[in-house]
N, C-alpha and C. Protein backbone atom coordinates (compact mmCIF):
# COMPACT_ATOMS: atom_id res chain seq x y z
N UNK A 1 90.39 -82.41 184.86
CA UNK A 1 89.48 -81.86 183.89
C UNK A 1 89.91 -82.35 182.53
N UNK A 2 89.01 -82.83 181.71
CA UNK A 2 89.35 -83.34 180.44
C UNK A 2 89.68 -82.14 179.50
N UNK A 3 90.41 -82.50 178.44
CA UNK A 3 90.82 -81.43 177.55
C UNK A 3 89.65 -80.78 176.80
N UNK A 4 88.51 -81.52 176.58
CA UNK A 4 87.33 -80.97 176.06
C UNK A 4 86.72 -79.92 176.93
N UNK A 5 86.58 -80.21 178.23
CA UNK A 5 85.99 -79.26 179.18
C UNK A 5 86.91 -78.04 179.31
N UNK A 6 88.24 -78.26 179.32
CA UNK A 6 89.18 -77.14 179.44
C UNK A 6 89.02 -76.25 178.14
N UNK A 7 88.93 -76.88 177.04
CA UNK A 7 88.74 -76.14 175.75
C UNK A 7 87.46 -75.31 175.82
N UNK A 8 86.38 -75.89 176.28
CA UNK A 8 85.12 -75.18 176.37
C UNK A 8 85.17 -74.01 177.33
N UNK A 9 85.93 -74.24 178.46
CA UNK A 9 86.07 -73.18 179.44
C UNK A 9 86.91 -72.03 178.86
N UNK A 10 87.91 -72.30 178.08
CA UNK A 10 88.69 -71.26 177.43
C UNK A 10 87.77 -70.48 176.44
N UNK A 11 86.99 -71.20 175.64
CA UNK A 11 86.13 -70.52 174.66
C UNK A 11 85.09 -69.64 175.46
N UNK A 12 84.59 -70.11 176.50
CA UNK A 12 83.55 -69.31 177.30
C UNK A 12 84.22 -68.04 177.88
N UNK A 13 85.50 -68.19 178.36
CA UNK A 13 86.18 -66.99 178.85
C UNK A 13 86.45 -66.02 177.70
N UNK A 14 86.83 -66.52 176.57
CA UNK A 14 87.12 -65.67 175.44
C UNK A 14 85.79 -64.93 174.94
N UNK A 15 84.68 -65.66 174.90
CA UNK A 15 83.46 -64.99 174.43
C UNK A 15 82.98 -63.95 175.42
N UNK A 16 83.17 -64.20 176.70
CA UNK A 16 82.80 -63.23 177.74
C UNK A 16 83.62 -61.98 177.55
N UNK A 17 84.91 -62.09 177.34
CA UNK A 17 85.80 -60.94 177.10
C UNK A 17 85.40 -60.20 175.86
N UNK A 18 85.12 -60.97 174.82
CA UNK A 18 84.71 -60.42 173.49
C UNK A 18 83.44 -59.55 173.66
N UNK A 19 82.45 -60.11 174.32
CA UNK A 19 81.17 -59.42 174.56
C UNK A 19 81.39 -58.15 175.40
N UNK A 20 82.22 -58.28 176.42
CA UNK A 20 82.47 -57.15 177.36
C UNK A 20 83.23 -56.00 176.50
N UNK A 21 84.21 -56.38 175.68
CA UNK A 21 84.94 -55.43 174.92
C UNK A 21 84.05 -54.77 173.82
N UNK A 22 83.02 -55.51 173.39
CA UNK A 22 82.07 -55.01 172.40
C UNK A 22 80.96 -54.09 172.98
N UNK A 23 80.77 -54.15 174.28
CA UNK A 23 79.70 -53.35 174.90
C UNK A 23 79.83 -51.87 174.54
N UNK A 24 78.70 -51.29 174.24
CA UNK A 24 78.66 -49.86 173.95
C UNK A 24 77.83 -49.53 172.69
N UNK A 25 77.98 -48.30 172.22
CA UNK A 25 77.25 -47.79 170.98
C UNK A 25 78.24 -47.89 169.85
N UNK A 26 77.65 -48.33 168.70
CA UNK A 26 78.48 -48.49 167.48
C UNK A 26 77.70 -47.89 166.23
N UNK A 27 78.45 -47.43 165.25
CA UNK A 27 77.88 -47.08 163.97
C UNK A 27 78.43 -48.12 163.01
N UNK A 28 77.45 -48.83 162.37
CA UNK A 28 77.87 -49.94 161.45
C UNK A 28 77.55 -49.49 160.04
N UNK A 29 78.60 -49.53 159.14
CA UNK A 29 78.44 -49.27 157.77
C UNK A 29 78.67 -50.60 157.08
N UNK A 30 77.76 -51.02 156.24
CA UNK A 30 77.96 -52.35 155.65
C UNK A 30 77.47 -52.35 154.17
N UNK A 31 77.95 -53.32 153.48
CA UNK A 31 77.63 -53.54 152.09
C UNK A 31 77.32 -54.99 151.92
N UNK A 32 76.16 -55.31 151.27
CA UNK A 32 75.81 -56.65 150.92
C UNK A 32 75.99 -56.86 149.45
N UNK A 33 76.71 -57.93 149.08
CA UNK A 33 76.85 -58.29 147.68
C UNK A 33 76.03 -59.55 147.44
N UNK A 34 75.06 -59.41 146.51
CA UNK A 34 74.26 -60.58 146.07
C UNK A 34 75.06 -61.32 144.99
N UNK A 35 75.19 -62.62 145.15
CA UNK A 35 75.93 -63.41 144.20
C UNK A 35 74.97 -64.21 143.33
N UNK A 36 75.29 -64.56 142.14
CA UNK A 36 76.55 -64.29 141.49
C UNK A 36 76.58 -62.93 140.69
N UNK A 37 75.44 -62.24 140.63
CA UNK A 37 75.33 -61.06 139.77
C UNK A 37 76.08 -59.86 140.44
N UNK A 38 76.40 -59.84 141.69
CA UNK A 38 77.17 -58.78 142.31
C UNK A 38 76.40 -57.52 142.69
N UNK A 39 75.08 -57.62 142.57
CA UNK A 39 74.29 -56.47 143.03
C UNK A 39 74.61 -56.12 144.48
N UNK A 40 74.78 -54.77 144.73
CA UNK A 40 75.13 -54.37 146.14
C UNK A 40 74.06 -53.53 146.74
N UNK A 41 74.07 -53.56 148.03
CA UNK A 41 73.14 -52.82 148.83
C UNK A 41 73.95 -52.21 150.04
N UNK A 42 73.89 -50.93 150.20
CA UNK A 42 74.64 -50.34 151.32
C UNK A 42 73.71 -49.86 152.45
N UNK A 43 74.09 -50.20 153.70
CA UNK A 43 73.30 -49.91 154.84
C UNK A 43 74.14 -49.16 155.90
N UNK A 44 73.46 -48.49 156.77
CA UNK A 44 74.11 -47.92 157.96
C UNK A 44 73.16 -48.20 159.15
N UNK A 45 73.80 -48.56 160.30
CA UNK A 45 72.97 -48.86 161.46
C UNK A 45 73.55 -48.29 162.70
N UNK A 46 72.67 -47.94 163.62
CA UNK A 46 73.09 -47.57 164.98
C UNK A 46 72.92 -48.87 165.78
N UNK A 47 73.97 -49.30 166.43
CA UNK A 47 73.97 -50.56 167.16
C UNK A 47 74.30 -50.27 168.69
N UNK A 48 73.61 -50.93 169.57
CA UNK A 48 73.96 -50.85 170.99
C UNK A 48 74.13 -52.26 171.47
N UNK A 49 75.25 -52.52 172.09
CA UNK A 49 75.57 -53.89 172.63
C UNK A 49 75.71 -53.75 174.14
N UNK A 50 74.94 -54.65 174.82
CA UNK A 50 75.01 -54.72 176.31
C UNK A 50 75.46 -56.11 176.73
N UNK A 51 76.49 -56.19 177.53
CA UNK A 51 76.93 -57.45 178.02
C UNK A 51 75.95 -58.01 179.04
N UNK A 52 75.66 -59.35 179.03
CA UNK A 52 74.80 -59.93 179.96
C UNK A 52 75.55 -61.00 180.81
N UNK A 53 75.51 -60.82 182.10
CA UNK A 53 76.14 -61.70 183.02
C UNK A 53 75.30 -62.98 183.22
N UNK A 54 75.93 -64.05 183.65
CA UNK A 54 75.17 -65.29 183.93
C UNK A 54 74.02 -64.98 184.91
N UNK A 55 72.86 -65.54 184.67
CA UNK A 55 71.74 -65.40 185.55
C UNK A 55 70.83 -64.20 185.29
N UNK A 56 71.19 -63.36 184.30
CA UNK A 56 70.27 -62.23 184.06
C UNK A 56 68.96 -62.71 183.47
N UNK A 57 67.89 -61.95 183.71
CA UNK A 57 66.57 -62.36 183.20
C UNK A 57 66.53 -62.63 181.71
N UNK A 58 67.36 -61.90 180.95
CA UNK A 58 67.42 -62.10 179.47
C UNK A 58 67.97 -63.45 179.16
N UNK A 59 69.04 -63.93 179.81
CA UNK A 59 69.58 -65.24 179.55
C UNK A 59 68.73 -66.34 180.04
N UNK A 60 68.01 -66.15 181.14
CA UNK A 60 67.04 -67.17 181.66
C UNK A 60 65.90 -67.30 180.58
N UNK A 61 65.48 -66.15 180.06
CA UNK A 61 64.39 -66.20 178.97
C UNK A 61 64.91 -66.94 177.77
N UNK A 62 66.18 -66.62 177.33
CA UNK A 62 66.71 -67.24 176.16
C UNK A 62 66.87 -68.79 176.37
N UNK A 63 67.29 -69.16 177.53
CA UNK A 63 67.41 -70.67 177.82
C UNK A 63 66.03 -71.28 177.68
N UNK A 64 65.00 -70.66 178.13
CA UNK A 64 63.62 -71.16 178.04
C UNK A 64 63.22 -71.25 176.59
N UNK A 65 63.53 -70.28 175.79
CA UNK A 65 63.21 -70.32 174.34
C UNK A 65 63.76 -71.56 173.66
N UNK A 66 64.99 -71.93 174.19
CA UNK A 66 65.67 -73.10 173.58
C UNK A 66 65.35 -74.44 174.34
N UNK A 67 64.33 -74.36 175.29
CA UNK A 67 63.89 -75.51 176.03
C UNK A 67 65.04 -76.14 176.76
N UNK A 68 66.02 -75.38 177.32
CA UNK A 68 67.06 -75.95 178.15
C UNK A 68 66.53 -76.16 179.53
N UNK A 69 67.00 -77.19 180.16
CA UNK A 69 66.51 -77.53 181.51
C UNK A 69 66.93 -76.45 182.50
N UNK A 70 66.28 -76.34 183.64
CA UNK A 70 66.55 -75.33 184.59
C UNK A 70 67.97 -75.46 185.17
N UNK A 71 68.59 -76.66 185.06
CA UNK A 71 69.93 -76.88 185.58
C UNK A 71 71.05 -76.32 184.63
N UNK A 72 70.59 -76.11 183.43
CA UNK A 72 71.57 -75.61 182.39
C UNK A 72 71.53 -74.08 182.43
N UNK A 73 72.65 -73.47 182.70
CA UNK A 73 72.72 -71.98 182.87
C UNK A 73 73.68 -71.47 181.78
N UNK A 74 73.18 -70.51 180.97
CA UNK A 74 74.00 -69.83 180.01
C UNK A 74 75.11 -69.08 180.68
N UNK A 75 76.38 -69.22 180.19
CA UNK A 75 77.55 -68.68 180.89
C UNK A 75 77.52 -67.16 180.82
N UNK A 76 77.24 -66.52 179.72
CA UNK A 76 77.14 -65.08 179.54
C UNK A 76 76.47 -64.82 178.25
N UNK A 77 76.30 -63.52 177.92
CA UNK A 77 75.64 -63.23 176.67
C UNK A 77 75.70 -61.73 176.34
N UNK A 78 74.91 -61.33 175.34
CA UNK A 78 74.81 -59.94 174.95
C UNK A 78 73.45 -59.67 174.39
N UNK A 79 73.03 -58.50 174.54
CA UNK A 79 71.79 -57.97 173.97
C UNK A 79 72.27 -56.97 172.95
N UNK A 80 71.81 -57.16 171.68
CA UNK A 80 72.17 -56.24 170.61
C UNK A 80 70.88 -55.63 170.04
N UNK A 81 70.82 -54.28 170.08
CA UNK A 81 69.70 -53.56 169.44
C UNK A 81 70.21 -52.83 168.23
N UNK A 82 69.41 -52.65 167.27
CA UNK A 82 69.82 -51.94 165.99
C UNK A 82 68.74 -51.22 165.40
N UNK A 83 69.09 -50.19 164.58
CA UNK A 83 68.22 -49.34 163.81
C UNK A 83 68.95 -49.13 162.48
N UNK A 84 68.44 -49.62 161.42
CA UNK A 84 69.15 -49.65 160.15
C UNK A 84 68.40 -48.84 159.01
N UNK A 85 69.17 -48.17 158.23
CA UNK A 85 68.67 -47.40 156.99
C UNK A 85 69.50 -47.72 155.88
N UNK A 86 68.91 -47.58 154.70
CA UNK A 86 69.63 -47.66 153.47
C UNK A 86 70.60 -46.39 153.38
N UNK A 87 71.89 -46.56 153.02
CA UNK A 87 72.82 -45.50 153.05
C UNK A 87 72.41 -44.39 152.02
N UNK A 88 71.97 -44.77 150.83
CA UNK A 88 71.70 -43.85 149.77
C UNK A 88 70.43 -43.13 149.97
N UNK A 89 69.30 -43.84 150.26
CA UNK A 89 67.99 -43.21 150.37
C UNK A 89 67.64 -42.76 151.76
N UNK A 90 68.32 -43.33 152.76
CA UNK A 90 67.96 -43.06 154.16
C UNK A 90 66.66 -43.78 154.62
N UNK A 91 66.11 -44.64 153.71
CA UNK A 91 64.88 -45.28 154.08
C UNK A 91 65.10 -46.35 155.17
N UNK A 92 64.22 -46.39 156.17
CA UNK A 92 64.31 -47.34 157.27
C UNK A 92 64.26 -48.78 156.71
N UNK A 93 65.17 -49.64 157.14
CA UNK A 93 65.15 -50.99 156.73
C UNK A 93 64.72 -51.98 157.82
N UNK A 94 65.33 -51.77 159.02
CA UNK A 94 64.97 -52.75 160.07
C UNK A 94 65.33 -52.11 161.44
N UNK A 95 64.65 -52.56 162.42
CA UNK A 95 64.90 -52.11 163.76
C UNK A 95 64.55 -53.29 164.68
N UNK A 96 65.40 -53.57 165.68
CA UNK A 96 65.07 -54.68 166.53
C UNK A 96 66.10 -55.00 167.57
N UNK A 97 65.99 -56.20 168.12
CA UNK A 97 66.81 -56.62 169.19
C UNK A 97 67.06 -58.15 169.06
N UNK A 98 68.29 -58.51 169.38
CA UNK A 98 68.64 -59.94 169.36
C UNK A 98 69.44 -60.21 170.68
N UNK A 99 69.09 -61.38 171.24
CA UNK A 99 69.81 -61.91 172.45
C UNK A 99 70.70 -63.00 172.06
N UNK A 100 71.93 -63.00 172.64
CA UNK A 100 72.91 -64.08 172.43
C UNK A 100 73.31 -64.61 173.82
N UNK A 101 73.41 -65.94 173.93
CA UNK A 101 73.91 -66.54 175.23
C UNK A 101 74.80 -67.66 174.88
N UNK A 102 75.95 -67.74 175.64
CA UNK A 102 76.96 -68.80 175.33
C UNK A 102 76.94 -69.85 176.42
N UNK A 103 77.18 -71.07 175.93
CA UNK A 103 77.37 -72.27 176.82
C UNK A 103 78.29 -73.18 176.07
N UNK A 104 79.45 -73.46 176.63
CA UNK A 104 80.44 -74.31 175.96
C UNK A 104 80.84 -73.61 174.73
N UNK A 105 80.72 -74.31 173.55
CA UNK A 105 81.04 -73.76 172.26
C UNK A 105 79.83 -73.46 171.43
N UNK A 106 78.69 -73.35 172.06
CA UNK A 106 77.41 -73.07 171.38
C UNK A 106 76.93 -71.65 171.73
N UNK A 107 76.59 -70.94 170.75
CA UNK A 107 75.96 -69.54 170.98
C UNK A 107 74.45 -69.68 170.69
N UNK A 108 73.66 -69.48 171.72
CA UNK A 108 72.23 -69.54 171.57
C UNK A 108 71.70 -68.11 171.20
N UNK A 109 70.81 -68.04 170.24
CA UNK A 109 70.24 -66.80 169.81
C UNK A 109 68.72 -66.82 169.83
N UNK A 110 68.09 -65.77 170.16
CA UNK A 110 66.62 -65.77 170.17
C UNK A 110 66.06 -65.67 168.76
N UNK A 111 66.86 -65.34 167.79
CA UNK A 111 66.40 -65.22 166.44
C UNK A 111 67.67 -65.34 165.53
N UNK A 112 67.39 -65.67 164.21
CA UNK A 112 68.49 -65.73 163.27
C UNK A 112 68.42 -64.56 162.35
N UNK A 113 69.36 -64.50 161.45
CA UNK A 113 69.42 -63.49 160.45
C UNK A 113 68.22 -63.41 159.63
N UNK A 114 67.80 -64.62 159.18
CA UNK A 114 66.66 -64.74 158.25
C UNK A 114 65.52 -65.47 158.83
N UNK A 115 65.34 -65.51 160.21
CA UNK A 115 64.22 -66.11 160.81
C UNK A 115 64.02 -65.46 162.21
N UNK A 116 62.76 -65.44 162.64
CA UNK A 116 62.46 -64.94 163.93
C UNK A 116 62.47 -66.05 164.99
N UNK A 117 62.77 -67.25 164.57
CA UNK A 117 62.82 -68.45 165.52
C UNK A 117 64.21 -68.50 166.19
N UNK A 118 64.28 -69.10 167.38
CA UNK A 118 65.52 -69.30 168.02
C UNK A 118 66.45 -70.22 167.26
N UNK A 119 67.73 -69.89 167.19
CA UNK A 119 68.73 -70.65 166.46
C UNK A 119 69.97 -70.80 167.35
N UNK A 120 70.87 -71.72 166.96
CA UNK A 120 72.10 -71.90 167.64
C UNK A 120 73.25 -71.79 166.62
N UNK A 121 74.43 -71.39 167.04
CA UNK A 121 75.60 -71.28 166.23
C UNK A 121 76.76 -71.96 166.95
N UNK A 122 77.57 -72.69 166.23
CA UNK A 122 78.83 -73.19 166.76
C UNK A 122 79.80 -71.96 166.69
N UNK A 123 80.65 -71.75 167.74
CA UNK A 123 81.57 -70.64 167.72
C UNK A 123 82.96 -71.07 168.16
N UNK A 124 83.94 -70.38 167.63
CA UNK A 124 85.37 -70.56 168.10
C UNK A 124 86.06 -69.28 167.81
N UNK A 125 87.24 -69.19 168.34
CA UNK A 125 88.08 -68.04 168.20
C UNK A 125 89.38 -68.48 167.43
N UNK A 126 89.75 -67.64 166.44
CA UNK A 126 91.05 -67.88 165.79
C UNK A 126 92.15 -67.16 166.59
N UNK A 127 91.76 -66.11 167.35
CA UNK A 127 92.62 -65.46 168.34
C UNK A 127 91.63 -64.67 169.20
N UNK A 128 92.11 -64.14 170.36
CA UNK A 128 91.17 -63.51 171.28
C UNK A 128 90.35 -62.35 170.74
N UNK A 129 90.74 -61.78 169.56
CA UNK A 129 89.97 -60.68 168.97
C UNK A 129 89.05 -61.08 167.85
N UNK A 130 89.07 -62.39 167.45
CA UNK A 130 88.35 -62.79 166.23
C UNK A 130 87.44 -63.95 166.58
N UNK A 131 86.15 -63.67 166.58
CA UNK A 131 85.08 -64.63 166.86
C UNK A 131 84.55 -65.13 165.47
N UNK A 132 84.40 -66.47 165.35
CA UNK A 132 83.87 -67.09 164.17
C UNK A 132 82.64 -67.89 164.51
N UNK A 133 81.59 -67.70 163.76
CA UNK A 133 80.27 -68.38 163.97
C UNK A 133 79.88 -69.22 162.77
N UNK A 134 79.31 -70.33 163.01
CA UNK A 134 78.74 -71.19 161.96
C UNK A 134 77.36 -71.55 162.39
N UNK A 135 76.35 -71.08 161.54
CA UNK A 135 74.91 -71.30 161.83
C UNK A 135 74.25 -71.97 160.63
N UNK A 136 73.36 -72.88 160.89
CA UNK A 136 72.57 -73.52 159.78
C UNK A 136 71.12 -73.59 160.14
N UNK A 137 70.24 -73.11 159.26
CA UNK A 137 68.76 -73.30 159.40
C UNK A 137 68.10 -73.04 158.06
N UNK A 138 66.92 -73.62 157.89
CA UNK A 138 66.09 -73.47 156.71
C UNK A 138 66.88 -73.68 155.42
N UNK A 139 67.85 -74.62 155.41
CA UNK A 139 68.56 -74.94 154.23
C UNK A 139 69.71 -74.01 153.91
N UNK A 140 69.94 -73.03 154.77
CA UNK A 140 71.03 -72.00 154.56
C UNK A 140 72.14 -72.19 155.54
N UNK A 141 73.36 -71.77 155.20
CA UNK A 141 74.50 -71.82 156.02
C UNK A 141 75.02 -70.39 156.16
N UNK A 142 75.26 -69.92 157.40
CA UNK A 142 75.78 -68.62 157.63
C UNK A 142 77.15 -68.70 158.33
N UNK A 143 78.21 -68.18 157.70
CA UNK A 143 79.56 -68.21 158.24
C UNK A 143 79.83 -66.69 158.54
N UNK A 144 80.17 -66.42 159.83
CA UNK A 144 80.38 -65.03 160.23
C UNK A 144 81.75 -64.95 160.93
N UNK A 145 82.44 -63.82 160.72
CA UNK A 145 83.64 -63.54 161.44
C UNK A 145 83.50 -62.11 161.97
N UNK A 146 83.70 -61.88 163.28
CA UNK A 146 83.74 -60.64 163.88
C UNK A 146 85.04 -60.40 164.51
N UNK A 147 85.65 -59.26 164.18
CA UNK A 147 87.02 -58.97 164.67
C UNK A 147 87.12 -57.60 165.31
N UNK A 148 87.61 -57.63 166.58
CA UNK A 148 87.84 -56.38 167.24
C UNK A 148 89.20 -55.79 166.77
N UNK A 149 89.22 -54.52 166.43
CA UNK A 149 90.45 -53.91 166.03
C UNK A 149 90.68 -52.73 166.99
N UNK A 150 91.56 -53.00 167.95
CA UNK A 150 91.81 -52.00 168.98
C UNK A 150 90.50 -51.89 169.79
N UNK A 151 90.24 -50.66 170.37
CA UNK A 151 89.06 -50.48 171.16
C UNK A 151 87.93 -49.72 170.42
N UNK A 152 88.24 -49.19 169.24
CA UNK A 152 87.31 -48.27 168.59
C UNK A 152 86.67 -48.83 167.33
N UNK A 153 87.12 -50.01 166.83
CA UNK A 153 86.65 -50.58 165.59
C UNK A 153 86.40 -52.03 165.67
N UNK A 154 85.43 -52.47 164.84
CA UNK A 154 85.13 -53.90 164.64
C UNK A 154 84.91 -54.10 163.14
N UNK A 155 85.29 -55.24 162.65
CA UNK A 155 84.95 -55.63 161.30
C UNK A 155 84.06 -56.89 161.36
N UNK A 156 83.19 -57.05 160.42
CA UNK A 156 82.37 -58.27 160.36
C UNK A 156 82.29 -58.73 158.89
N UNK A 157 82.32 -59.96 158.69
CA UNK A 157 82.01 -60.54 157.35
C UNK A 157 81.06 -61.66 157.52
N UNK A 158 80.06 -61.69 156.72
CA UNK A 158 79.07 -62.79 156.66
C UNK A 158 78.95 -63.35 155.29
N UNK A 159 78.94 -64.67 155.21
CA UNK A 159 78.77 -65.37 153.94
C UNK A 159 77.59 -66.27 154.12
N UNK A 160 76.62 -66.08 153.28
CA UNK A 160 75.39 -66.91 153.31
C UNK A 160 75.38 -67.78 152.06
N UNK A 161 75.19 -69.08 152.37
CA UNK A 161 75.21 -70.15 151.28
C UNK A 161 73.90 -70.89 151.36
N UNK A 162 73.54 -71.46 150.24
CA UNK A 162 72.34 -72.33 150.17
C UNK A 162 72.70 -73.42 149.12
N UNK A 163 72.47 -74.67 149.51
CA UNK A 163 72.78 -75.81 148.59
C UNK A 163 74.19 -75.79 148.11
N UNK A 164 75.11 -75.41 148.97
CA UNK A 164 76.58 -75.37 148.66
C UNK A 164 76.99 -74.23 147.81
N UNK A 165 76.12 -73.30 147.48
CA UNK A 165 76.53 -72.14 146.68
C UNK A 165 76.30 -70.83 147.45
N UNK A 166 77.31 -69.96 147.41
CA UNK A 166 77.29 -68.74 148.10
C UNK A 166 76.26 -67.81 147.45
N UNK A 167 75.40 -67.21 148.29
CA UNK A 167 74.31 -66.39 147.86
C UNK A 167 74.55 -64.87 148.11
N UNK A 168 75.22 -64.62 149.25
CA UNK A 168 75.39 -63.20 149.66
C UNK A 168 76.70 -63.12 150.50
N UNK A 169 77.27 -61.97 150.39
CA UNK A 169 78.47 -61.59 151.24
C UNK A 169 78.14 -60.28 151.85
N UNK A 170 78.24 -60.16 153.19
CA UNK A 170 78.05 -58.90 153.87
C UNK A 170 79.37 -58.50 154.55
N UNK A 171 79.75 -57.29 154.25
CA UNK A 171 81.06 -56.78 154.90
C UNK A 171 80.72 -55.46 155.68
N UNK A 172 81.19 -55.41 156.91
CA UNK A 172 80.79 -54.39 157.85
C UNK A 172 82.07 -53.70 158.43
N UNK A 173 81.97 -52.44 158.61
CA UNK A 173 82.96 -51.66 159.41
C UNK A 173 82.13 -50.94 160.52
N UNK A 174 82.50 -51.24 161.79
CA UNK A 174 81.76 -50.67 162.89
C UNK A 174 82.76 -49.84 163.69
N UNK A 175 82.24 -48.56 163.95
CA UNK A 175 83.05 -47.60 164.73
C UNK A 175 82.36 -47.32 166.05
N UNK A 176 83.13 -47.31 167.08
CA UNK A 176 82.58 -47.07 168.41
C UNK A 176 82.19 -45.56 168.49
N UNK A 177 81.04 -45.28 169.06
CA UNK A 177 80.62 -43.86 169.22
C UNK A 177 80.98 -43.38 170.57
């Protein structure tokens, strides 16, 4: 087995473990900083994560959205549903679902942060608890880091850039319910 295939297999095993450890109900508290003025927005979300094994109908559907051939099978994935409100006003902000599916070092998504179209992200792990994503579409770059802290907490940080300049930073603390 070549070192590239071995590396991809290790990443697939790590992402499967990460998704399995993330499965469950979470309360996400986050703050978005708009740059360069520093305007902040605070949000709270109820999040549900469900691990998807290879061959599930959701992963087959996701592969079709990305026009992958029938021979290409996504290794594993996750379904994430959320319901978000503004922290201060309690006003509903968004509610929805996103599918993720992994193959090699590519994470396939049925939608992006700022688009309803399917997108892909390159992913890697800095250690088994820290998943890093790099996504580009519509002239924007999204750098994300998700970190498991024990079994009860996760942190996330997202940096959104356009034309080489950072536009927004999102910081999240997620507590398992």
